[in-house]
Amino acid sequence: MAQATQEQETTIAVDRGLFVLRYASGAGAHRSPIAMVRPEPASAPYVEVMSAPGVVAGFLSAPGDCAVVRAEQSGTLILKIIAQHAGDPLDATFKLDPLGGAERRDAGEIAAAPIAVAAPVAALGALTILAHVSRRGDVGAAAGTWIAGPDAPAPIEGLALSGALPKGLALGIQPLLATNPPRWLDWAGLGDFVGTRQRALPLAGLRFRLSGPEAENFEIAASALFLGSPVTSRRGREIDLVSSAGVDPLVGLRIELVAASVEATTKPFPTANPFPTERPLEPKLKVFRATASA
């Protein structure tokens, strides 16, 4: 029986001020786990986690990544690490450093309490797109890049998404054909071609949805360009891409699979060690707090 992928969580207390949380080190020669940090629900109104533009807030993909924490008053963060593949080690070290104006504490170390084994997580953005574009034929693109789009708009008549999804996650796609009137076709899955080829019948819209036990941990991020309209962007577990008129041809598409944003994550995080104290386990996840300046 294959070994399941693991997760670990820990809580980190923060004082009022500004801090940077750094992914200091990972699993050495092995694949390092990914990490997500967000405020505890009770702290969310006054503790904010910020990441670089284009990165999901609080998502740390590898050692060297960092996030900025802004706390209007003392609160608590929840740091979660997830092994990328079954059997990967969960060794990871994070360092919390105060920036200007942050209230400093003595150096300390917080170790995560191991929690239940969870489903595996595959690499994000593993999708590829094959689209049939008017007068260009079949065109392929990696996740997060445009098919046609603002620089080279052209009617998209059909497409298929392929690639490896995390276990426990399914992706559905439903096309809207630009018939008179427009008509939604049946839902299809990963690897299925939807729409038409060489019929001069462009798509007028698309619907995407994620399902399965791991759906709450991921989102679809997509942008669409419809003829005569500005770029439309949507993000979520279920999204619709249709022009304001509902009939305009789709002339550009960009789509990728991303980690769920903090606001969209609904899975509860425990705030205390669920294991009794008589079952001590060696911690692997470590967070170090910077020592106050002399």
Protein backbone atom coordinates (compact mmCIF):
# COMPACT_ATOMS: atom_id res chain seq x y z
CA MET A 1 0.00 0.00 0.00
CA ALA A 2 1.42 3.40 -0.99
CA GLN A 3 2.37 5.82 1.72
CA ALA A 4 0.03 8.82 1.96
CA THR A 5 1.20 12.38 1.69
CA GLN A 6 1.39 14.24 4.97
CA GLU A 7 0.61 17.68 6.30
CA GLN A 8 1.60 19.52 9.45
CA GLU A 9 0.36 22.72 11.07
CA THR A 10 1.56 25.07 13.76
CA THR A 11 0.34 28.33 15.25
CA ILE A 12 2.61 31.38 15.47
CA ALA A 13 1.91 34.28 17.84
CA VAL A 14 2.64 37.74 16.41
CA ASP A 15 2.74 41.07 18.22
CA ARG A 16 1.52 44.37 16.84
CA GLY A 17 3.82 45.46 14.02
CA LEU A 18 5.29 44.45 10.69
CA PHE A 19 7.12 41.16 10.13
CA VAL A 20 8.57 39.03 7.35
CA LEU A 21 8.10 35.26 7.46
CA ARG A 22 10.87 33.51 5.52
CA TYR A 23 10.99 29.92 4.30
CA ALA A 24 14.51 29.39 5.60
CA SER A 25 15.27 25.77 4.76
CA GLY A 26 13.61 22.64 3.46
CA ALA A 27 14.28 18.93 3.15
CA GLY A 28 17.81 19.10 1.78
CA ALA A 29 18.35 16.62 -1.04
CA HIS A 30 14.67 15.67 -1.01
CA ARG A 31 11.67 17.61 -2.32
CA SER A 32 10.79 20.35 0.16
CA PRO A 33 7.16 20.74 1.21
CA ILE A 34 5.07 23.69 0.12
CA ALA A 35 3.67 25.99 2.81
CA MET A 36 0.64 28.18 3.39
CA VAL A 37 0.29 30.82 6.10
CA ARG A 38 -2.87 32.70 7.02
CA PRO A 39 -4.33 34.44 10.06
CA GLU A 40 -6.28 32.39 12.55
CA PRO A 41 -10.00 33.16 12.00
CA ALA A 42 -10.23 35.19 15.21
CA SER A 43 -7.18 37.25 14.14
CA ALA A 44 -8.22 37.79 10.52
CA PRO A 45 -9.83 41.24 11.12
CA TYR A 46 -6.51 42.77 12.22
CA VAL A 47 -3.73 40.47 10.94
CA GLU A 48 -2.91 40.46 7.22
CA VAL A 49 -0.58 38.24 5.18
CA MET A 50 0.83 39.73 1.96
CA SER A 51 2.85 38.12 -0.84
CA ALA A 52 4.53 39.37 -3.99
CA PRO A 53 2.32 40.43 -6.94
CA GLY A 54 1.02 37.40 -8.82
CA VAL A 55 1.50 35.05 -5.86
CA VAL A 56 -1.40 33.70 -3.80
CA ALA A 57 -1.32 35.50 -0.44
CA GLY A 58 0.57 33.38 2.07
CA PHE A 59 1.73 30.71 -0.41
CA LEU A 60 5.40 29.71 0.03
CA SER A 61 6.48 27.24 -2.64
CA ALA A 62 10.11 26.61 -1.67
CA PRO A 63 12.98 27.75 0.57
CA GLY A 64 13.79 31.38 -0.13
CA ASP A 65 10.15 32.46 -0.45
CA CYS A 66 8.74 34.95 2.04
CA ALA A 67 5.55 36.75 3.05
CA VAL A 68 4.96 40.00 4.90
CA VAL A 69 2.75 39.98 7.99
CA ARG A 70 1.04 43.19 9.14
CA ALA A 71 -0.61 43.06 12.57
CA GLU A 72 -2.71 45.93 13.89
CA GLN A 73 -2.72 44.14 17.25
CA SER A 74 -1.39 40.89 18.67
CA GLY A 75 -2.78 37.82 16.97
CA THR A 76 -2.07 34.33 15.71
CA LEU A 77 -0.98 32.88 12.37
CA ILE A 78 -1.57 29.34 11.18
CA LEU A 79 1.29 27.84 9.19
CA LYS A 80 0.60 24.67 7.24
CA ILE A 81 3.14 22.59 5.30
CA ILE A 82 2.17 19.96 2.71
CA ALA A 83 4.42 17.29 1.22
CA GLN A 84 4.47 17.49 -2.58
CA HIS A 85 4.40 13.71 -3.06
CA ALA A 86 3.65 10.66 -0.95
CA GLY A 87 6.56 9.76 1.28
CA ASP A 88 8.35 13.11 0.96
CA PRO A 89 9.80 14.42 4.25
CA LEU A 90 8.11 17.30 6.05
CA ASP A 91 11.33 18.92 7.27
CA ALA A 92 11.06 22.70 6.99
CA THR A 93 12.31 25.73 8.92
CA PHE A 94 10.76 29.18 8.88
CA LYS A 95 12.04 32.42 10.43
CA LEU A 96 9.89 35.32 11.61
CA ASP A 97 11.82 38.62 11.56
CA PRO A 98 10.41 41.96 12.76
CA LEU A 99 10.61 44.91 10.39
CA GLY A 100 10.54 48.57 11.32
CA GLY A 101 8.03 49.39 14.04
CA ALA A 102 7.48 45.79 15.11
CA GLU A 103 7.39 44.95 18.78
CA ARG A 104 10.18 42.46 19.47
CA ARG A 105 10.18 39.43 21.71
CA ASP A 106 12.95 37.24 23.05
CA ALA A 107 14.15 34.52 20.70
CA GLY A 108 11.96 31.45 20.78
CA GLU A 109 11.09 28.36 18.83
CA ILE A 110 7.66 27.01 17.97
CA ALA A 111 7.31 23.45 16.73
CA ALA A 112 4.33 22.06 14.86
CA ALA A 113 2.24 19.25 16.27
CA PRO A 114 1.80 16.47 13.67
CA ILE A 115 -1.79 16.08 12.48
CA ALA A 116 -3.73 13.53 10.45
CA VAL A 117 -2.39 12.36 7.10
CA ALA A 118 -4.04 14.17 4.18
CA ALA A 119 -4.42 13.59 0.46
CA PRO A 120 -1.45 14.30 -1.84
CA VAL A 121 -0.90 17.60 -3.58
CA ALA A 122 0.51 17.79 -7.11
CA ALA A 123 2.48 20.67 -8.56
CA LEU A 124 0.34 23.71 -9.26
CA GLY A 125 -0.21 24.95 -12.76
CA ALA A 126 0.33 21.48 -14.32
CA LEU A 127 -2.40 22.01 -16.93
CA THR A 128 -1.78 22.32 -20.65
CA ILE A 129 -4.23 23.71 -23.20
CA LEU A 130 -4.88 22.61 -26.77
CA ALA A 131 -7.24 25.00 -28.59
CA HIS A 132 -8.54 25.07 -32.13
CA VAL A 133 -8.17 28.67 -33.29
CA SER A 134 -9.80 30.04 -36.44
CA ARG A 135 -7.38 30.18 -39.40
CA ARG A 136 -4.53 28.87 -37.21
CA GLY A 137 -5.56 25.30 -36.46
CA ASP A 138 -4.67 23.55 -33.20
CA VAL A 139 -2.55 25.69 -30.89
CA GLY A 140 -1.00 24.48 -27.63
CA ALA A 141 -0.04 26.50 -24.56
CA ALA A 142 1.11 25.94 -21.00
CA ALA A 143 -1.01 26.93 -18.02
CA GLY A 144 -0.97 30.65 -17.33
CA THR A 145 -0.18 31.70 -20.92
CA TRP A 146 -2.54 33.14 -23.54
CA ILE A 147 -4.17 31.26 -26.37
CA ALA A 148 -4.75 34.06 -28.93
CA GLY A 149 -5.46 36.95 -26.54
CA PRO A 150 -4.74 40.69 -26.48
CA ASP A 151 -1.65 40.54 -28.71
CA ALA A 152 -3.09 38.18 -31.33
CA PRO A 153 -6.88 37.86 -30.96
CA ALA A 154 -8.63 35.18 -33.00
CA PRO A 155 -11.86 33.18 -32.54
CA ILE A 156 -11.39 30.06 -30.42
CA GLU A 157 -13.65 27.27 -31.67
CA GLY A 158 -12.84 24.50 -29.22
CA LEU A 159 -10.31 23.34 -26.66
CA ALA A 160 -9.14 20.55 -24.41
CA LEU A 161 -7.35 20.72 -21.06
CA SER A 162 -4.90 18.00 -20.11
CA GLY A 163 -2.28 17.31 -17.46
CA ALA A 164 -1.91 15.79 -14.01
CA LEU A 165 -4.27 16.94 -11.27
CA PRO A 166 -3.84 16.32 -7.54
CA LYS A 167 -5.47 13.13 -6.30
CA GLY A 168 -9.00 13.87 -5.11
CA LEU A 169 -9.49 16.74 -7.57
CA ALA A 170 -11.57 16.77 -10.77
CA LEU A 171 -11.96 19.55 -13.34
CA GLY A 172 -15.10 20.05 -15.41
CA ILE A 173 -15.55 22.28 -18.46
CA GLN A 174 -18.73 23.36 -20.28
CA PRO A 175 -18.64 25.27 -23.59
CA LEU A 176 -21.11 27.84 -24.89
CA LEU A 177 -21.38 27.73 -28.69
CA ALA A 178 -22.04 30.96 -30.59
CA THR A 179 -25.14 29.59 -32.33
CA ASN A 180 -28.32 31.63 -32.74
CA PRO A 181 -29.24 31.64 -29.93
CA PRO A 182 -26.05 30.58 -28.06
CA ARG A 183 -26.25 27.05 -26.68
CA TRP A 184 -24.50 25.41 -23.71
CA LEU A 185 -23.19 21.90 -24.42
CA ASP A 186 -22.78 19.10 -21.88
CA TRP A 187 -20.10 19.15 -19.21
CA ALA A 188 -16.84 17.40 -20.09
CA GLY A 189 -13.73 16.44 -18.14
CA LEU A 190 -9.97 16.72 -18.30
CA GLY A 191 -8.67 15.50 -21.65
CA ASP A 192 -12.00 15.87 -23.47
CA PHE A 193 -12.21 18.22 -26.45
CA VAL A 194 -15.16 20.62 -26.25
CA GLY A 195 -16.50 22.86 -29.01
CA THR A 196 -15.94 22.39 -32.75
CA ARG A 197 -13.22 22.28 -35.39
CA GLN A 198 -13.32 23.88 -38.85
CA ARG A 199 -17.00 24.86 -38.68
CA ALA A 200 -16.45 28.60 -38.26
CA LEU A 201 -18.42 28.32 -35.02
CA PRO A 202 -16.53 30.08 -32.20
CA LEU A 203 -17.09 29.64 -28.50
CA ALA A 204 -19.15 32.36 -26.83
CA GLY A 205 -18.32 31.33 -23.28
CA LEU A 206 -16.90 28.70 -20.93
CA ARG A 207 -17.69 27.36 -17.49
CA PHE A 208 -15.14 25.64 -15.26
CA ARG A 209 -15.65 23.85 -11.96
CA LEU A 210 -13.50 21.90 -9.51
CA SER A 211 -14.94 18.98 -7.58
CA GLY A 212 -13.78 16.22 -5.27
CA PRO A 213 -12.48 16.09 -1.68
CA GLU A 214 -9.45 18.29 -2.48
CA ALA A 215 -11.42 20.98 -4.36
CA GLU A 216 -11.44 23.37 -1.40
CA ASN A 217 -7.65 23.64 -1.58
CA PHE A 218 -7.51 24.86 -5.19
CA GLU A 219 -8.99 27.46 -7.52
CA ILE A 220 -9.21 28.11 -11.23
CA ALA A 221 -7.71 31.44 -12.28
CA ALA A 222 -8.73 32.45 -15.80
CA SER A 223 -8.84 35.48 -18.08
CA ALA A 224 -10.89 35.72 -21.25
CA LEU A 225 -11.01 38.20 -24.10
CA PHE A 226 -14.27 38.52 -26.05
CA LEU A 227 -14.53 40.43 -29.31
CA GLY A 228 -15.19 44.11 -28.65
CA SER A 229 -14.79 43.81 -24.86
CA PRO A 230 -12.00 44.29 -22.32
CA VAL A 231 -10.29 41.31 -20.70
CA THR A 232 -12.49 39.54 -18.14
CA SER A 233 -10.82 37.74 -15.20
CA ARG A 234 -12.39 35.24 -12.82
CA ARG A 235 -11.09 33.13 -9.97
CA GLY A 236 -12.74 30.45 -7.84
CA ARG A 237 -13.78 26.82 -7.66
CA GLU A 238 -16.63 27.53 -10.11
CA ILE A 239 -16.31 30.30 -12.70
CA ASP A 240 -18.21 31.53 -15.77
CA LEU A 241 -16.53 33.32 -18.66
CA VAL A 242 -19.14 35.00 -20.87
CA SER A 243 -19.18 38.43 -22.53
CA SER A 244 -21.55 41.10 -21.28
CA ALA A 245 -23.71 40.57 -24.38
CA GLY A 246 -23.56 36.79 -24.03
CA VAL A 247 -22.97 36.22 -27.75
CA ASP A 248 -19.54 37.68 -28.57
CA PRO A 249 -16.84 35.25 -29.81
CA LEU A 250 -14.06 34.21 -27.45
CA VAL A 251 -10.80 35.52 -28.97
CA GLY A 252 -8.36 34.91 -26.11
CA LEU A 253 -8.06 32.60 -23.10
CA ARG A 254 -5.60 32.13 -20.25
CA ILE A 255 -6.19 29.58 -17.47
CA GLU A 256 -4.26 27.92 -14.65
CA LEU A 257 -4.77 25.93 -11.47
CA VAL A 258 -3.67 27.74 -8.30
CA ALA A 259 -3.75 27.24 -4.54
CA ALA A 260 -6.93 28.47 -2.89
CA SER A 261 -6.76 32.02 -1.60
CA VAL A 262 -7.05 32.70 2.11
CA GLU A 263 -10.57 34.10 1.73
CA ALA A 264 -11.75 31.01 -0.19
CA THR A 265 -10.30 28.41 2.14
CA THR A 266 -13.11 26.98 4.22
CA LYS A 267 -11.43 23.93 5.71
CA PRO A 268 -11.12 24.50 9.49
CA PHE A 269 -7.65 24.63 10.96
CA PRO A 270 -7.11 23.27 14.49
CA THR A 271 -5.70 25.78 16.95
CA ALA A 272 -4.44 23.29 19.50
CA ASN A 273 -2.52 20.02 19.51
CA PRO A 274 -5.11 17.27 18.86
CA PHE A 275 -2.82 14.66 20.38
CA PRO A 276 -2.60 14.09 24.16
CA THR A 277 0.61 15.17 25.88
CA GLU A 278 1.57 11.58 26.67
CA ARG A 279 2.22 10.98 22.97
CA PRO A 280 5.17 13.29 22.21
CA LEU A 281 6.35 13.28 18.61
CA GLU A 282 9.54 14.79 17.25
CA PRO A 283 8.67 18.03 15.46
CA LYS A 284 9.94 18.64 11.95
CA LEU A 285 8.51 22.10 11.30
CA LYS A 286 10.38 24.86 13.09
CA VAL A 287 9.77 28.62 13.28
CA PHE A 288 12.43 30.85 14.78
CA ARG A 289 11.76 34.33 16.12
CA ALA A 290 14.51 36.89 15.72
CA THR A 291 16.34 38.01 18.89
CA ALA A 292 15.79 41.58 19.99
CA SER A 293 18.59 43.97 19.12
CA ALA A 294 20.89 44.88 21.95
